[in-house]
Amino acid sequence: MSYDGKKGWVRVHRSIEGHWIFKDPKILKRWIIILIKVNHSAVKFNVGHELHVCQPGSSYRSLEDWSRLFETNKRQVKKIFQLLENDNMILCQILGKGNQRKHLLTVKNWDKYQ
């Protein structure tokens, strides 16, 4: 469950030009998609009869949802998430089991983008 509205903004500092992500247009686009698709306010959601809260800067989606947003396949989404996690840009947790399994993605230092 994520905020999908068209309102609001995300701040990106000019220093991004010196970041490795700026040199790869596909990854940069996907990073911006992450920034605009995470929640701007807390949202509660249920996974296997357990209530969770998706905080601002987080998004609860399946790999299929992310692959549609990124216009790629699930394998590439996993690789992108791993790359961003390795650089401490995101934290990705898997919640649920089987068909109910989704990813709780959290943008680290979310407040820098607000």
N, C-alpha and C. Protein backbone atom coordinates (compact mmCIF):
# COMPACT_ATOMS: atom_id res chain seq x y z
N MET A 1 0.84 -1.16 0.00
CA MET A 1 0.00 0.00 0.00
C MET A 1 0.89 1.22 0.00
N SER A 2 0.76 2.05 -0.98
CA SER A 2 1.61 3.22 -1.10
C SER A 2 0.82 4.40 -1.62
N TYR A 3 1.33 5.56 -1.36
CA TYR A 3 0.73 6.78 -1.85
C TYR A 3 1.03 6.91 -3.33
N ASP A 4 0.00 7.04 -4.14
CA ASP A 4 0.19 7.15 -5.58
C ASP A 4 -0.32 8.47 -6.13
N GLY A 5 -0.48 9.47 -5.27
CA GLY A 5 -0.98 10.77 -5.71
C GLY A 5 0.04 11.51 -6.54
N LYS A 6 -0.41 12.54 -7.19
CA LYS A 6 0.46 13.35 -8.05
C LYS A 6 0.84 14.65 -7.36
N LYS A 7 0.49 14.80 -6.09
CA LYS A 7 0.78 16.04 -5.37
C LYS A 7 2.09 15.92 -4.62
N GLY A 8 2.67 17.07 -4.31
CA GLY A 8 3.88 17.09 -3.52
C GLY A 8 5.12 17.18 -4.39
N TRP A 9 6.26 17.08 -3.74
CA TRP A 9 7.53 17.22 -4.43
C TRP A 9 8.59 16.40 -3.73
N VAL A 10 9.67 16.20 -4.43
CA VAL A 10 10.84 15.52 -3.89
C VAL A 10 12.04 16.41 -4.20
N ARG A 11 12.88 16.64 -3.21
CA ARG A 11 14.04 17.51 -3.38
C ARG A 11 15.25 16.66 -3.76
N VAL A 12 15.93 17.05 -4.82
CA VAL A 12 17.17 16.38 -5.24
C VAL A 12 18.26 17.45 -5.30
N HIS A 13 19.31 17.26 -4.54
CA HIS A 13 20.40 18.23 -4.47
C HIS A 13 21.29 18.13 -5.71
N ARG A 14 21.84 19.25 -6.10
CA ARG A 14 22.74 19.27 -7.27
C ARG A 14 23.95 18.35 -7.11
N SER A 15 24.30 18.02 -5.90
CA SER A 15 25.45 17.15 -5.67
C SER A 15 25.24 15.75 -6.26
N ILE A 16 24.01 15.44 -6.67
CA ILE A 16 23.75 14.14 -7.29
C ILE A 16 24.58 13.96 -8.56
N GLU A 17 24.97 15.08 -9.17
CA GLU A 17 25.81 15.00 -10.38
C GLU A 17 27.13 14.28 -10.12
N GLY A 18 27.62 14.32 -8.89
CA GLY A 18 28.86 13.64 -8.55
C GLY A 18 28.67 12.22 -8.05
N HIS A 19 27.43 11.79 -7.92
CA HIS A 19 27.11 10.46 -7.41
C HIS A 19 27.14 9.45 -8.56
N TRP A 20 27.52 8.21 -8.26
CA TRP A 20 27.59 7.18 -9.30
C TRP A 20 26.26 6.97 -10.01
N ILE A 21 25.16 7.17 -9.31
CA ILE A 21 23.84 6.90 -9.88
C ILE A 21 23.52 7.84 -11.04
N PHE A 22 24.11 9.03 -11.03
CA PHE A 22 23.86 10.03 -12.07
C PHE A 22 24.44 9.61 -13.41
N LYS A 23 25.44 8.75 -13.37
CA LYS A 23 26.12 8.32 -14.60
C LYS A 23 25.38 7.21 -15.34
N ASP A 24 24.34 6.65 -14.72
CA ASP A 24 23.57 5.58 -15.33
C ASP A 24 22.11 6.03 -15.44
N PRO A 25 21.69 6.47 -16.64
CA PRO A 25 20.34 7.02 -16.79
C PRO A 25 19.21 6.08 -16.37
N LYS A 26 19.37 4.77 -16.62
CA LYS A 26 18.31 3.82 -16.24
C LYS A 26 18.19 3.72 -14.73
N ILE A 27 19.32 3.61 -14.04
CA ILE A 27 19.29 3.51 -12.59
C ILE A 27 18.82 4.83 -11.99
N LEU A 28 19.26 5.95 -12.54
CA LEU A 28 18.81 7.26 -12.04
C LEU A 28 17.30 7.39 -12.16
N LYS A 29 16.75 7.00 -13.30
CA LYS A 29 15.30 7.06 -13.48
C LYS A 29 14.59 6.19 -12.45
N ARG A 30 15.10 5.02 -12.21
CA ARG A 30 14.48 4.10 -11.25
C ARG A 30 14.62 4.63 -9.82
N TRP A 31 15.71 5.30 -9.51
CA TRP A 31 15.88 5.92 -8.20
C TRP A 31 14.84 7.03 -8.01
N ILE A 32 14.63 7.82 -9.04
CA ILE A 32 13.62 8.88 -8.95
C ILE A 32 12.22 8.28 -8.82
N ILE A 33 11.96 7.19 -9.53
CA ILE A 33 10.67 6.50 -9.38
C ILE A 33 10.49 6.06 -7.93
N ILE A 34 11.52 5.50 -7.33
CA ILE A 34 11.43 5.10 -5.92
C ILE A 34 11.10 6.31 -5.06
N LEU A 35 11.82 7.42 -5.28
CA LEU A 35 11.60 8.61 -4.46
C LEU A 35 10.18 9.16 -4.57
N ILE A 36 9.59 9.07 -5.76
CA ILE A 36 8.24 9.63 -5.91
C ILE A 36 7.14 8.63 -5.57
N LYS A 37 7.47 7.34 -5.45
CA LYS A 37 6.46 6.33 -5.15
C LYS A 37 6.39 5.93 -3.68
N VAL A 38 7.40 6.29 -2.88
CA VAL A 38 7.31 5.97 -1.46
C VAL A 38 6.28 6.88 -0.79
N ASN A 39 5.79 6.45 0.35
CA ASN A 39 4.76 7.20 1.06
C ASN A 39 5.27 8.53 1.56
N HIS A 40 4.37 9.49 1.58
CA HIS A 40 4.70 10.79 2.17
C HIS A 40 4.14 10.90 3.59
N SER A 41 3.29 9.94 3.96
CA SER A 41 2.75 9.88 5.33
C SER A 41 2.56 8.41 5.70
N ALA A 42 2.42 8.15 7.00
CA ALA A 42 2.29 6.77 7.48
C ALA A 42 0.98 6.14 7.00
N VAL A 43 1.06 4.86 6.63
CA VAL A 43 -0.10 4.09 6.16
C VAL A 43 -0.05 2.72 6.83
N LYS A 44 -1.17 2.28 7.39
CA LYS A 44 -1.22 0.94 8.00
C LYS A 44 -1.61 -0.08 6.93
N PHE A 45 -1.06 -1.30 7.07
CA PHE A 45 -1.43 -2.38 6.15
C PHE A 45 -1.33 -3.70 6.89
N ASN A 46 -2.04 -4.70 6.38
CA ASN A 46 -2.13 -6.01 7.00
C ASN A 46 -1.36 -7.04 6.17
N VAL A 47 -0.56 -7.86 6.86
CA VAL A 47 0.14 -8.97 6.22
C VAL A 47 -0.07 -10.19 7.11
N GLY A 48 -0.79 -11.17 6.59
CA GLY A 48 -1.01 -12.40 7.34
C GLY A 48 -1.60 -12.17 8.72
N HIS A 49 -2.60 -11.34 8.82
CA HIS A 49 -3.28 -11.01 10.07
C HIS A 49 -2.38 -10.29 11.05
N GLU A 50 -1.38 -9.62 10.54
CA GLU A 50 -0.47 -8.84 11.37
C GLU A 50 -0.45 -7.41 10.82
N LEU A 51 -0.71 -6.44 11.68
CA LEU A 51 -0.77 -5.04 11.27
C LEU A 51 0.63 -4.42 11.27
N HIS A 52 0.97 -3.74 10.19
CA HIS A 52 2.25 -3.05 10.05
C HIS A 52 1.97 -1.60 9.69
N VAL A 53 2.97 -0.76 9.86
CA VAL A 53 2.87 0.64 9.47
C VAL A 53 3.98 0.93 8.46
N CYS A 54 3.56 1.45 7.34
CA CYS A 54 4.50 1.87 6.30
C CYS A 54 4.74 3.36 6.53
N GLN A 55 5.92 3.68 7.00
CA GLN A 55 6.26 5.05 7.40
C GLN A 55 6.56 5.92 6.17
N PRO A 56 6.59 7.24 6.35
CA PRO A 56 7.03 8.12 5.26
C PRO A 56 8.42 7.69 4.78
N GLY A 57 8.60 7.68 3.48
CA GLY A 57 9.87 7.24 2.91
C GLY A 57 9.92 5.75 2.65
N SER A 58 8.79 5.06 2.88
CA SER A 58 8.72 3.62 2.66
C SER A 58 7.60 3.29 1.69
N SER A 59 7.68 2.11 1.11
CA SER A 59 6.65 1.64 0.19
C SER A 59 6.51 0.13 0.34
N TYR A 60 5.28 -0.34 0.34
CA TYR A 60 4.98 -1.76 0.45
C TYR A 60 4.40 -2.24 -0.87
N ARG A 61 5.22 -2.89 -1.68
CA ARG A 61 4.80 -3.34 -3.01
C ARG A 61 5.44 -4.70 -3.31
N SER A 62 4.84 -5.39 -4.25
CA SER A 62 5.42 -6.65 -4.72
C SER A 62 6.50 -6.35 -5.77
N LEU A 63 7.33 -7.36 -6.03
CA LEU A 63 8.33 -7.21 -7.10
C LEU A 63 7.65 -6.98 -8.44
N GLU A 64 6.47 -7.60 -8.62
CA GLU A 64 5.72 -7.39 -9.86
C GLU A 64 5.33 -5.92 -10.02
N ASP A 65 4.89 -5.31 -8.91
CA ASP A 65 4.54 -3.88 -8.96
C ASP A 65 5.76 -3.03 -9.33
N TRP A 66 6.88 -3.31 -8.67
CA TRP A 66 8.10 -2.55 -8.97
C TRP A 66 8.56 -2.80 -10.41
N SER A 67 8.43 -4.04 -10.89
CA SER A 67 8.88 -4.32 -12.27
C SER A 67 8.03 -3.55 -13.28
N ARG A 68 6.73 -3.40 -13.01
CA ARG A 68 5.89 -2.58 -13.90
C ARG A 68 6.31 -1.11 -13.85
N LEU A 69 6.58 -0.61 -12.65
CA LEU A 69 7.01 0.78 -12.51
C LEU A 69 8.35 1.03 -13.19
N PHE A 70 9.27 0.07 -13.06
CA PHE A 70 10.61 0.21 -13.64
C PHE A 70 10.67 -0.21 -15.11
N GLU A 71 9.58 -0.80 -15.61
CA GLU A 71 9.53 -1.30 -16.98
C GLU A 71 10.65 -2.31 -17.25
N THR A 72 10.74 -3.29 -16.34
CA THR A 72 11.74 -4.34 -16.46
C THR A 72 11.20 -5.61 -15.81
N ASN A 73 12.04 -6.61 -15.62
CA ASN A 73 11.60 -7.86 -15.01
C ASN A 73 11.98 -7.92 -13.52
N LYS A 74 11.43 -8.91 -12.82
CA LYS A 74 11.67 -9.04 -11.38
C LYS A 74 13.14 -9.27 -11.06
N ARG A 75 13.84 -10.00 -11.91
CA ARG A 75 15.26 -10.26 -11.67
C ARG A 75 16.05 -8.96 -11.65
N GLN A 76 15.73 -8.07 -12.59
CA GLN A 76 16.42 -6.77 -12.64
C GLN A 76 16.05 -5.90 -11.43
N VAL A 77 14.80 -5.99 -10.99
CA VAL A 77 14.38 -5.23 -9.80
C VAL A 77 15.21 -5.67 -8.60
N LYS A 78 15.37 -6.98 -8.44
CA LYS A 78 16.18 -7.50 -7.33
C LYS A 78 17.61 -6.98 -7.41
N LYS A 79 18.18 -6.96 -8.61
CA LYS A 79 19.55 -6.46 -8.80
C LYS A 79 19.64 -4.98 -8.45
N ILE A 80 18.65 -4.21 -8.87
CA ILE A 80 18.63 -2.77 -8.57
C ILE A 80 18.53 -2.56 -7.07
N PHE A 81 17.61 -3.28 -6.43
CA PHE A 81 17.46 -3.16 -4.98
C PHE A 81 18.75 -3.53 -4.27
N GLN A 82 19.42 -4.60 -4.71
CA GLN A 82 20.66 -5.03 -4.08
C GLN A 82 21.74 -3.97 -4.24
N LEU A 83 21.83 -3.40 -5.42
CA LEU A 83 22.81 -2.34 -5.69
C LEU A 83 22.58 -1.15 -4.76
N LEU A 84 21.33 -0.71 -4.64
CA LEU A 84 20.99 0.43 -3.79
C LEU A 84 21.17 0.10 -2.31
N GLU A 85 20.87 -1.13 -1.93
CA GLU A 85 21.10 -1.55 -0.54
C GLU A 85 22.60 -1.58 -0.23
N ASN A 86 23.39 -2.06 -1.16
CA ASN A 86 24.84 -2.12 -0.95
C ASN A 86 25.45 -0.74 -0.75
N ASP A 87 24.83 0.28 -1.35
CA ASP A 87 25.31 1.65 -1.19
C ASP A 87 24.58 2.38 -0.05
N ASN A 88 23.82 1.63 0.74
CA ASN A 88 23.13 2.18 1.91
C ASN A 88 22.11 3.26 1.54
N MET A 89 21.50 3.14 0.35
CA MET A 89 20.50 4.11 -0.09
C MET A 89 19.09 3.66 0.29
N ILE A 90 18.88 2.34 0.35
CA ILE A 90 17.57 1.79 0.71
C ILE A 90 17.76 0.62 1.67
N LEU A 91 16.67 0.26 2.31
CA LEU A 91 16.59 -0.97 3.09
C LEU A 91 15.38 -1.71 2.56
N CYS A 92 15.53 -2.99 2.26
CA CYS A 92 14.43 -3.77 1.71
C CYS A 92 14.17 -4.97 2.61
N GLN A 93 12.92 -5.08 3.10
CA GLN A 93 12.52 -6.20 3.94
C GLN A 93 11.39 -6.94 3.23
N ILE A 94 11.40 -8.26 3.32
CA ILE A 94 10.34 -9.07 2.74
C ILE A 94 9.35 -9.40 3.85
N LEU A 95 8.07 -9.09 3.60
CA LEU A 95 7.00 -9.39 4.54
C LEU A 95 6.00 -10.32 3.87
N GLY A 96 5.45 -11.24 4.63
CA GLY A 96 4.47 -12.18 4.10
C GLY A 96 5.12 -13.40 3.51
N LYS A 97 4.26 -14.33 3.08
CA LYS A 97 4.73 -15.59 2.52
C LYS A 97 3.97 -15.89 1.24
N GLY A 98 4.59 -16.64 0.36
CA GLY A 98 3.93 -17.08 -0.86
C GLY A 98 3.41 -15.93 -1.70
N ASN A 99 2.15 -16.03 -2.13
CA ASN A 99 1.54 -15.00 -2.96
C ASN A 99 1.33 -13.69 -2.21
N GLN A 100 1.37 -13.74 -0.90
CA GLN A 100 1.18 -12.54 -0.09
C GLN A 100 2.50 -11.79 0.15
N ARG A 101 3.61 -12.34 -0.32
CA ARG A 101 4.92 -11.76 -0.07
C ARG A 101 5.11 -10.46 -0.85
N LYS A 102 5.51 -9.43 -0.12
CA LYS A 102 5.80 -8.14 -0.74
C LYS A 102 7.03 -7.55 -0.08
N HIS A 103 7.55 -6.50 -0.68
CA HIS A 103 8.76 -5.84 -0.18
C HIS A 103 8.40 -4.53 0.49
N LEU A 104 8.91 -4.35 1.69
CA LEU A 104 8.82 -3.08 2.38
C LEU A 104 10.15 -2.38 2.12
N LEU A 105 10.11 -1.44 1.20
CA LEU A 105 11.30 -0.71 0.80
C LEU A 105 11.33 0.61 1.56
N THR A 106 12.46 0.93 2.15
CA THR A 106 12.61 2.18 2.89
C THR A 106 13.80 2.95 2.33
N VAL A 107 13.56 4.21 1.97
CA VAL A 107 14.63 5.08 1.51
C VAL A 107 15.38 5.59 2.73
N LYS A 108 16.66 5.30 2.79
CA LYS A 108 17.48 5.79 3.91
C LYS A 108 17.64 7.30 3.77
N ASN A 109 17.69 7.98 4.88
CA ASN A 109 17.82 9.44 4.91
C ASN A 109 16.70 10.13 4.15
N TRP A 110 15.50 9.61 4.25
CA TRP A 110 14.34 10.14 3.53
C TRP A 110 14.18 11.65 3.76
N ASP A 111 14.46 12.10 4.97
CA ASP A 111 14.27 13.52 5.29
C ASP A 111 15.12 14.44 4.40
N LYS A 112 16.22 13.95 3.83
CA LYS A 112 17.03 14.76 2.93
C LYS A 112 16.27 15.11 1.65
N TYR A 113 15.29 14.31 1.29
CA TYR A 113 14.55 14.52 0.04
C TYR A 113 13.27 15.30 0.25
N GLN A 114 13.03 15.77 1.47
CA GLN A 114 11.80 16.49 1.79
C GLN A 114 12.07 17.94 2.13
